[in-house]
Amino acid sequence: MKLETDQIQQAQRSETVKALASKESEKLKSDNDHQERAHQELDESAISQDIEMDEISK
């Protein structure tokens, strides 16, 4: 009986760890997506400014 209880508790801990790891993974992916989007926006802004500067200097 003790062995069964230990196995159940171990399985529950394992599922909890998996759920937490999955949640953390999703959070990191979301953070990374935000960083990539911000970087892309900065690149687009820099390109836009370069184009404006070229037009002004003509």
Protein backbone atom coordinates (compact mmCIF):
# COMPACT_ATOMS: atom_id res chain seq x y z
CA MET A 1 0.00 0.00 0.00
CA LYS A 2 2.84 2.39 0.87
CA LEU A 3 4.47 1.65 -2.49
CA GLU A 4 1.24 2.49 -4.34
CA THR A 5 0.88 5.75 -2.43
CA ASP A 6 4.49 6.67 -3.19
CA GLN A 7 3.98 5.87 -6.87
CA ILE A 8 0.82 7.98 -7.02
CA GLN A 9 2.56 10.90 -5.32
CA GLN A 10 5.54 10.58 -7.64
CA ALA A 11 3.26 10.53 -10.69
CA GLN A 12 1.42 13.60 -9.44
CA ARG A 13 4.70 15.45 -8.88
CA SER A 14 5.85 14.44 -12.33
CA GLU A 15 2.65 15.77 -13.91
CA THR A 16 2.97 18.99 -11.93
CA VAL A 17 6.57 19.44 -13.06
CA LYS A 18 5.56 18.78 -16.68
CA ALA A 19 2.74 21.31 -16.45
CA LEU A 20 5.01 23.95 -14.91
CA ALA A 21 7.71 23.32 -17.52
CA SER A 22 5.16 23.59 -20.30
CA LYS A 23 3.78 26.83 -18.86
CA GLU A 24 7.29 28.29 -18.53
CA SER A 25 8.12 27.22 -22.07
CA GLU A 26 5.04 29.01 -23.39
CA LYS A 27 5.97 32.13 -21.43
CA LEU A 28 9.50 32.11 -22.83
CA LYS A 29 8.16 31.61 -26.35
CA SER A 30 5.76 34.52 -25.88
CA ASP A 31 8.56 36.74 -24.54
CA ASN A 32 10.74 35.76 -27.49
CA ASP A 33 7.92 36.56 -29.93
CA HIS A 34 7.56 40.02 -28.37
CA GLN A 35 11.31 40.63 -28.64
CA GLU A 36 11.37 39.54 -32.28
CA ARG A 37 8.40 41.77 -33.08
CA ALA A 38 10.05 44.76 -31.37
CA HIS A 39 13.30 44.13 -33.23
CA GLN A 40 11.44 43.92 -36.53
CA GLU A 41 9.65 47.20 -35.79
CA LEU A 42 12.98 48.87 -35.01
CA ASP A 43 14.45 47.58 -38.27
CA GLU A 44 11.45 48.84 -40.23
CA SER A 45 11.69 52.22 -38.52
CA ALA A 46 15.40 52.49 -39.33
CA ILE A 47 14.75 51.60 -42.97
CA SER A 48 11.96 54.17 -43.12
CA GLN A 49 14.27 56.84 -41.67
CA ASP A 50 17.00 55.93 -44.18
CA ILE A 51 14.52 56.34 -47.03
CA GLU A 52 13.38 59.71 -45.67
CA MET A 53 16.99 60.90 -45.33
CA ASP A 54 17.74 59.82 -48.91
CA GLU A 55 14.71 61.73 -50.17
CA ILE A 56 15.67 64.86 -48.22
CA SER A 57 19.25 64.81 -49.49
CA LYS A 58 18.16 64.67 -53.15
